[in-house]
Amino acid sequence: LRASLKRREETVERFGYRYRCDASKEPIGTAFC
């Protein structure tokens, strides 16, 4: 659960979906399911 939370903190939300993000917290790539 801690690893999952850490991984979630490394994402950013846009338009109701979570994405990987770059250093400036801008979304990159496709959304996570």
All heavy atoms as atom14 arrays in JSON, in Angstrom:
{
  "sequence": "LRASLKRREETVERFGYRYRCDASKEPIGTAFC",
  "atom14_mask": [
    [1, 1, 1, 1, 1, 1, 1, 1, 0, 0, 0, 0, 0, 0],
    [1, 1, 1, 1, 1, 1, 1, 1, 1, 1, 1, 0, 0, 0],
    [1, 1, 1, 1, 1, 0, 0, 0, 0, 0, 0, 0, 0, 0],
    [1, 1, 1, 1, 1, 1, 0, 0, 0, 0, 0, 0, 0, 0],
    [1, 1, 1, 1, 1, 1, 1, 1, 0, 0, 0, 0, 0, 0],
    [1, 1, 1, 1, 1, 1, 1, 1, 1, 0, 0, 0, 0, 0],
    [1, 1, 1, 1, 1, 1, 1, 1, 1, 1, 1, 0, 0, 0],
    [1, 1, 1, 1, 1, 1, 1, 1, 1, 1, 1, 0, 0, 0],
    [1, 1, 1, 1, 1, 1, 1, 1, 1, 0, 0, 0, 0, 0],
    [1, 1, 1, 1, 1, 1, 1, 1, 1, 0, 0, 0, 0, 0],
    [1, 1, 1, 1, 1, 1, 1, 0, 0, 0, 0, 0, 0, 0],
    [1, 1, 1, 1, 1, 1, 1, 0, 0, 0, 0, 0, 0, 0],
    [1, 1, 1, 1, 1, 1, 1, 1, 1, 0, 0, 0, 0, 0],
    [1, 1, 1, 1, 1, 1, 1, 1, 1, 1, 1, 0, 0, 0],
    [1, 1, 1, 1, 1, 1, 1, 1, 1, 1, 1, 0, 0, 0],
    [1, 1, 1, 1, 0, 0, 0, 0, 0, 0, 0, 0, 0, 0],
    [1, 1, 1, 1, 1, 1, 1, 1, 1, 1, 1, 1, 0, 0],
    [1, 1, 1, 1, 1, 1, 1, 1, 1, 1, 1, 0, 0, 0],
    [1, 1, 1, 1, 1, 1, 1, 1, 1, 1, 1, 1, 0, 0],
    [1, 1, 1, 1, 1, 1, 1, 1, 1, 1, 1, 0, 0, 0],
    [1, 1, 1, 1, 1, 1, 0, 0, 0, 0, 0, 0, 0, 0],
    [1, 1, 1, 1, 1, 1, 1, 1, 0, 0, 0, 0, 0, 0],
    [1, 1, 1, 1, 1, 0, 0, 0, 0, 0, 0, 0, 0, 0],
    [1, 1, 1, 1, 1, 1, 0, 0, 0, 0, 0, 0, 0, 0],
    [1, 1, 1, 1, 1, 1, 1, 1, 1, 0, 0, 0, 0, 0],
    [1, 1, 1, 1, 1, 1, 1, 1, 1, 0, 0, 0, 0, 0],
    [1, 1, 1, 1, 1, 1, 1, 0, 0, 0, 0, 0, 0, 0],
    [1, 1, 1, 1, 1, 1, 1, 1, 0, 0, 0, 0, 0, 0],
    [1, 1, 1, 1, 0, 0, 0, 0, 0, 0, 0, 0, 0, 0],
    [1, 1, 1, 1, 1, 1, 1, 0, 0, 0, 0, 0, 0, 0],
    [1, 1, 1, 1, 1, 0, 0, 0, 0, 0, 0, 0, 0, 0],
    [1, 1, 1, 1, 1, 1, 1, 1, 1, 1, 1, 0, 0, 0],
    [1, 1, 1, 1, 1, 1, 0, 0, 0, 0, 0, 0, 0, 0]
  ],
  "atom14_positions": [
    [[0.82, -1.21, 0.0], [0.0, 0.0, 0.0], [0.85, 1.26, 0.0], [0.53, 2.24, -0.68], [-0.94, -0.01, 1.21], [-2.06, -1.03, 1.16], [-2.79, -1.09, 2.5], [-3.03, -0.72, 0.03], [0.0, 0.0, 0.0], [0.0, 0.0, 0.0], [0.0, 0.0, 0.0], [0.0, 0.0, 0.0], [0.0, 0.0, 0.0], [0.0, 0.0, 0.0]],
    [[1.96, 1.23, 0.75], [2.85, 2.4, 0.75], [3.46, 2.62, -0.63], [3.57, 3.75, -1.1], [3.96, 2.21, 1.79], [3.48, 2.45, 3.19], [4.62, 2.37, 4.18], [4.13, 2.67, 5.51], [4.71, 2.27, 6.62], [5.83, 1.56, 6.57], [4.21, 2.58, 7.79], [0.0, 0.0, 0.0], [0.0, 0.0, 0.0], [0.0, 0.0, 0.0]],
    [[3.85, 1.53, -1.29], [4.41, 1.65, -2.64], [3.37, 2.2, -3.6], [3.68, 3.03, -4.47], [4.93, 0.3, -3.11], [0.0, 0.0, 0.0], [0.0, 0.0, 0.0], [0.0, 0.0, 0.0], [0.0, 0.0, 0.0], [0.0, 0.0, 0.0], [0.0, 0.0, 0.0], [0.0, 0.0, 0.0], [0.0, 0.0, 0.0], [0.0, 0.0, 0.0]],
    [[2.13, 1.74, -3.45], [1.05, 2.22, -4.3], [0.81, 3.71, -4.08], [0.62, 4.47, -5.04], [-0.22, 1.42, -4.04], [-1.26, 1.87, -4.86], [0.0, 0.0, 0.0], [0.0, 0.0, 0.0], [0.0, 0.0, 0.0], [0.0, 0.0, 0.0], [0.0, 0.0, 0.0], [0.0, 0.0, 0.0], [0.0, 0.0, 0.0], [0.0, 0.0, 0.0]],
    [[0.81, 4.13, -2.82], [0.62, 5.55, -2.53], [1.77, 6.39, -3.09], [1.55, 7.48, -3.63], [0.51, 5.77, -1.02], [-0.81, 5.41, -0.39], [-0.74, 5.53, 1.13], [-1.93, 6.28, -0.92], [0.0, 0.0, 0.0], [0.0, 0.0, 0.0], [0.0, 0.0, 0.0], [0.0, 0.0, 0.0], [0.0, 0.0, 0.0], [0.0, 0.0, 0.0]],
    [[2.99, 5.89, -2.96], [4.14, 6.61, -3.48], [4.03, 6.73, -5.0], [4.26, 7.8, -5.58], [5.44, 5.9, -3.11], [6.68, 6.64, -3.54], [7.93, 5.95, -3.02], [9.14, 6.79, -3.27], [9.81, 6.56, -4.49], [0.0, 0.0, 0.0], [0.0, 0.0, 0.0], [0.0, 0.0, 0.0], [0.0, 0.0, 0.0], [0.0, 0.0, 0.0]],
    [[3.63, 5.65, -5.63], [3.48, 5.66, -7.08], [2.39, 6.65, -7.49], [2.52, 7.38, -8.46], [3.14, 4.25, -7.56], [2.91, 4.12, -9.04], [4.24, 4.03, -9.79], [4.07, 4.14, -11.2], [3.98, 3.14, -12.05], [4.05, 1.9, -11.6], [3.83, 3.34, -13.33], [0.0, 0.0, 0.0], [0.0, 0.0, 0.0], [0.0, 0.0, 0.0]],
    [[1.31, 6.68, -6.71], [0.21, 7.6, -7.01], [0.67, 9.05, -6.88], [0.25, 9.92, -7.64], [-0.98, 7.33, -6.1], [-2.21, 8.13, -6.47], [-3.4, 7.69, -5.63], [-4.57, 8.48, -5.91], [-5.44, 8.25, -6.87], [-5.28, 7.21, -7.65], [-6.48, 9.03, -7.05], [0.0, 0.0, 0.0], [0.0, 0.0, 0.0], [0.0, 0.0, 0.0]],
    [[1.54, 9.32, -5.91], [2.07, 10.67, -5.73], [2.93, 11.1, -6.93], [3.12, 12.29, -7.14], [2.89, 10.76, -4.45], [2.06, 10.67, -3.19], [2.9, 10.57, -1.93], [4.14, 10.52, -2.02], [2.3, 10.52, -0.85], [0.0, 0.0, 0.0], [0.0, 0.0, 0.0], [0.0, 0.0, 0.0], [0.0, 0.0, 0.0], [0.0, 0.0, 0.0]],
    [[3.42, 10.14, -7.69], [4.26, 10.45, -8.84], [3.43, 10.67, -10.1], [3.97, 10.71, -11.2], [5.26, 9.31, -9.07], [6.24, 9.13, -7.92], [7.06, 7.86, -8.04], [6.78, 7.02, -8.92], [7.99, 7.7, -7.23], [0.0, 0.0, 0.0], [0.0, 0.0, 0.0], [0.0, 0.0, 0.0], [0.0, 0.0, 0.0], [0.0, 0.0, 0.0]],
    [[2.11, 10.78, -9.93], [1.23, 11.02, -11.07], [0.54, 12.37, -10.91], [0.61, 12.99, -9.85], [0.15, 9.91, -11.19], [-0.71, 9.98, -10.05], [0.77, 8.54, -11.31], [0.0, 0.0, 0.0], [0.0, 0.0, 0.0], [0.0, 0.0, 0.0], [0.0, 0.0, 0.0], [0.0, 0.0, 0.0], [0.0, 0.0, 0.0], [0.0, 0.0, 0.0]],
    [[-0.12, 12.79, -11.98], [-0.87, 14.04, -11.95], [-2.25, 13.77, -12.57], [-2.37, 12.94, -13.46], [-0.12, 15.16, -12.69], [0.03, 14.86, -14.16], [-0.77, 16.51, -12.48], [0.0, 0.0, 0.0], [0.0, 0.0, 0.0], [0.0, 0.0, 0.0], [0.0, 0.0, 0.0], [0.0, 0.0, 0.0], [0.0, 0.0, 0.0], [0.0, 0.0, 0.0]],
    [[-3.27, 14.46, -12.08], [-4.61, 14.26, -12.6], [-4.96, 15.35, -13.6], [-4.75, 16.53, -13.36], [-5.64, 14.26, -11.46], [-7.03, 13.94, -11.94], [-8.04, 13.8, -10.83], [-7.63, 13.57, -9.68], [-9.23, 13.92, -11.12], [0.0, 0.0, 0.0], [0.0, 0.0, 0.0], [0.0, 0.0, 0.0], [0.0, 0.0, 0.0], [0.0, 0.0, 0.0]],
    [[-5.51, 14.92, -14.73], [-6.03, 15.85, -15.74], [-7.3, 15.24, -16.32], [-7.32, 14.05, -16.66], [-5.04, 16.05, -16.9], [-3.82, 16.86, -16.57], [-4.17, 18.34, -16.33], [-3.0, 19.17, -16.29], [-2.18, 19.3, -15.25], [-2.41, 18.62, -14.16], [-1.14, 20.09, -15.3], [0.0, 0.0, 0.0], [0.0, 0.0, 0.0], [0.0, 0.0, 0.0]],
    [[-8.34, 16.03, -16.39], [-9.6, 15.63, -17.02], [-10.17, 14.34, -16.43], [-10.77, 13.53, -17.12], [-9.44, 15.49, -18.54], [-8.74, 16.66, -19.17], [-7.54, 16.49, -19.83], [-9.28, 17.93, -19.09], [-6.89, 17.56, -20.42], [-8.64, 19.01, -19.68], [-7.44, 18.84, -20.34], [0.0, 0.0, 0.0], [0.0, 0.0, 0.0], [0.0, 0.0, 0.0]],
    [[-9.94, 14.13, -15.13], [-10.51, 12.96, -14.46], [-9.67, 11.7, -14.58], [-10.07, 10.64, -14.07], [0.0, 0.0, 0.0], [0.0, 0.0, 0.0], [0.0, 0.0, 0.0], [0.0, 0.0, 0.0], [0.0, 0.0, 0.0], [0.0, 0.0, 0.0], [0.0, 0.0, 0.0], [0.0, 0.0, 0.0], [0.0, 0.0, 0.0], [0.0, 0.0, 0.0]],
    [[-8.51, 11.76, -15.22], [-7.62, 10.61, -15.36], [-6.26, 10.96, -14.75], [-5.87, 12.11, -14.69], [-7.43, 10.22, -16.83], [-8.69, 9.68, -17.47], [-9.53, 10.51, -18.21], [-9.03, 8.34, -17.34], [-10.68, 10.01, -18.79], [-10.18, 7.84, -17.93], [-11.01, 8.69, -18.65], [-12.15, 8.19, -19.23], [0.0, 0.0, 0.0], [0.0, 0.0, 0.0]],
    [[-5.52, 9.93, -14.34], [-4.17, 10.14, -13.81], [-3.15, 9.77, -14.88], [-3.32, 8.79, -15.61], [-3.96, 9.31, -12.55], [-4.93, 9.79, -11.44], [-4.45, 9.5, -10.06], [-3.36, 10.29, -9.58], [-3.46, 11.51, -9.05], [-4.62, 12.1, -8.98], [-2.41, 12.13, -8.59], [0.0, 0.0, 0.0], [0.0, 0.0, 0.0], [0.0, 0.0, 0.0]],
    [[-2.08, 10.57, -14.94], [-1.03, 10.41, -15.94], [0.33, 10.41, -15.25], [0.49, 10.96, -14.16], [-1.05, 11.59, -16.93], [-2.28, 11.68, -17.78], [-3.44, 12.3, -17.33], [-2.3, 11.15, -19.06], [-4.57, 12.39, -18.12], [-3.42, 11.24, -19.87], [-4.56, 11.85, -19.38], [-5.68, 11.94, -20.17], [0.0, 0.0, 0.0], [0.0, 0.0, 0.0]],
    [[1.31, 9.84, -15.93], [2.69, 10.04, -15.51], [2.97, 11.52, -15.67], [2.3, 12.21, -16.43], [3.66, 9.24, -16.38], [3.52, 7.74, -16.21], [4.42, 6.98, -17.17], [3.94, 7.22, -18.54], [4.71, 7.38, -19.59], [6.01, 7.34, -19.48], [4.2, 7.6, -20.78], [0.0, 0.0, 0.0], [0.0, 0.0, 0.0], [0.0, 0.0, 0.0]],
    [[3.96, 12.03, -14.96], [4.24, 13.45, -15.1], [5.75, 13.69, -15.17], [6.56, 12.88, -14.72], [3.62, 14.25, -13.96], [4.17, 13.82, -12.31], [0.0, 0.0, 0.0], [0.0, 0.0, 0.0], [0.0, 0.0, 0.0], [0.0, 0.0, 0.0], [0.0, 0.0, 0.0], [0.0, 0.0, 0.0], [0.0, 0.0, 0.0], [0.0, 0.0, 0.0]],
    [[6.09, 14.84, -15.77], [7.5, 15.21, -15.85], [7.89, 15.99, -14.59], [7.1, 16.11, -13.66], [7.77, 16.01, -17.14], [6.94, 17.28, -17.23], [6.39, 17.71, -16.19], [6.85, 17.84, -18.33], [0.0, 0.0, 0.0], [0.0, 0.0, 0.0], [0.0, 0.0, 0.0], [0.0, 0.0, 0.0], [0.0, 0.0, 0.0], [0.0, 0.0, 0.0]],
    [[9.08, 16.54, -14.58], [9.6, 17.24, -13.4], [8.75, 18.46, -13.04], [8.67, 18.84, -11.87], [11.04, 17.66, -13.63], [0.0, 0.0, 0.0], [0.0, 0.0, 0.0], [0.0, 0.0, 0.0], [0.0, 0.0, 0.0], [0.0, 0.0, 0.0], [0.0, 0.0, 0.0], [0.0, 0.0, 0.0], [0.0, 0.0, 0.0], [0.0, 0.0, 0.0]],
    [[8.1, 19.06, -14.03], [7.27, 20.24, -13.75], [5.81, 19.87, -13.49], [4.94, 20.73, -13.53], [7.37, 21.22, -14.92], [6.86, 20.63, -16.1], [0.0, 0.0, 0.0], [0.0, 0.0, 0.0], [0.0, 0.0, 0.0], [0.0, 0.0, 0.0], [0.0, 0.0, 0.0], [0.0, 0.0, 0.0], [0.0, 0.0, 0.0], [0.0, 0.0, 0.0]],
    [[5.55, 18.61, -13.22], [4.22, 18.09, -12.9], [3.22, 18.25, -14.06], [2.02, 18.34, -13.84], [3.65, 18.74, -11.64], [4.37, 18.34, -10.37], [4.11, 16.88, -10.08], [4.69, 16.48, -8.74], [4.5, 15.07, -8.46], [0.0, 0.0, 0.0], [0.0, 0.0, 0.0], [0.0, 0.0, 0.0], [0.0, 0.0, 0.0], [0.0, 0.0, 0.0]],
    [[3.73, 18.23, -15.28], [2.87, 18.26, -16.47], [2.66, 16.81, -16.92], [3.58, 15.99, -16.88], [3.5, 19.07, -17.59], [3.53, 20.57, -17.3], [2.14, 21.14, -17.12], [1.23, 20.81, -17.9], [1.95, 21.92, -16.16], [0.0, 0.0, 0.0], [0.0, 0.0, 0.0], [0.0, 0.0, 0.0], [0.0, 0.0, 0.0], [0.0, 0.0, 0.0]],
    [[1.43, 16.47, -17.33], [1.16, 15.08, -17.73], [1.9, 14.7, -19.01], [2.12, 15.53, -19.89], [-0.35, 15.07, -17.96], [-0.73, 16.48, -18.19], [0.26, 17.33, -17.46], [0.0, 0.0, 0.0], [0.0, 0.0, 0.0], [0.0, 0.0, 0.0], [0.0, 0.0, 0.0], [0.0, 0.0, 0.0], [0.0, 0.0, 0.0], [0.0, 0.0, 0.0]],
    [[2.28, 13.42, -19.06], [2.93, 12.88, -20.26], [2.33, 11.52, -20.58], [1.9, 10.79, -19.69], [4.47, 12.77, -20.1], [4.84, 11.93, -18.87], [5.12, 14.12, -20.03], [6.33, 11.68, -18.73], [0.0, 0.0, 0.0], [0.0, 0.0, 0.0], [0.0, 0.0, 0.0], [0.0, 0.0, 0.0], [0.0, 0.0, 0.0], [0.0, 0.0, 0.0]],
    [[2.27, 11.2, -21.85], [1.81, 9.89, -22.29], [0.31, 9.7, -22.16], [-0.46, 10.64, -22.12], [0.0, 0.0, 0.0], [0.0, 0.0, 0.0], [0.0, 0.0, 0.0], [0.0, 0.0, 0.0], [0.0, 0.0, 0.0], [0.0, 0.0, 0.0], [0.0, 0.0, 0.0], [0.0, 0.0, 0.0], [0.0, 0.0, 0.0], [0.0, 0.0, 0.0]],
    [[-0.1, 8.44, -22.1], [-1.51, 8.1, -21.98], [-1.89, 7.94, -20.51], [-1.03, 7.81, -19.64], [-1.83, 6.79, -22.74], [-1.07, 5.73, -22.17], [-1.52, 6.92, -24.22], [0.0, 0.0, 0.0], [0.0, 0.0, 0.0], [0.0, 0.0, 0.0], [0.0, 0.0, 0.0], [0.0, 0.0, 0.0], [0.0, 0.0, 0.0], [0.0, 0.0, 0.0]],
    [[-3.18, 7.92, -20.24], [-3.69, 7.83, -18.87], [-3.56, 6.42, -18.31], [-3.52, 5.44, -19.06], [-5.16, 8.25, -18.83], [0.0, 0.0, 0.0], [0.0, 0.0, 0.0], [0.0, 0.0, 0.0], [0.0, 0.0, 0.0], [0.0, 0.0, 0.0], [0.0, 0.0, 0.0], [0.0, 0.0, 0.0], [0.0, 0.0, 0.0], [0.0, 0.0, 0.0]],
    [[-3.5, 6.35, -16.99], [-3.58, 5.07, -16.31], [-5.04, 4.64, -16.27], [-5.94, 5.47, -16.2], [-3.05, 5.17, -14.87], [-1.56, 5.32, -14.78], [-1.0, 6.54, -14.48], [-0.73, 4.23, -14.98], [0.37, 6.69, -14.38], [0.64, 4.36, -14.87], [1.2, 5.6, -14.57], [0.0, 0.0, 0.0], [0.0, 0.0, 0.0], [0.0, 0.0, 0.0]],
    [[-5.27, 3.35, -16.29], [-6.63, 2.82, -16.2], [-7.17, 3.08, -14.79], [-6.59, 2.59, -13.81], [-6.63, 1.32, -16.48], [-8.24, 0.54, -16.16], [0.0, 0.0, 0.0], [0.0, 0.0, 0.0], [0.0, 0.0, 0.0], [0.0, 0.0, 0.0], [0.0, 0.0, 0.0], [0.0, 0.0, 0.0], [0.0, 0.0, 0.0], [0.0, 0.0, 0.0]]
  ]
}
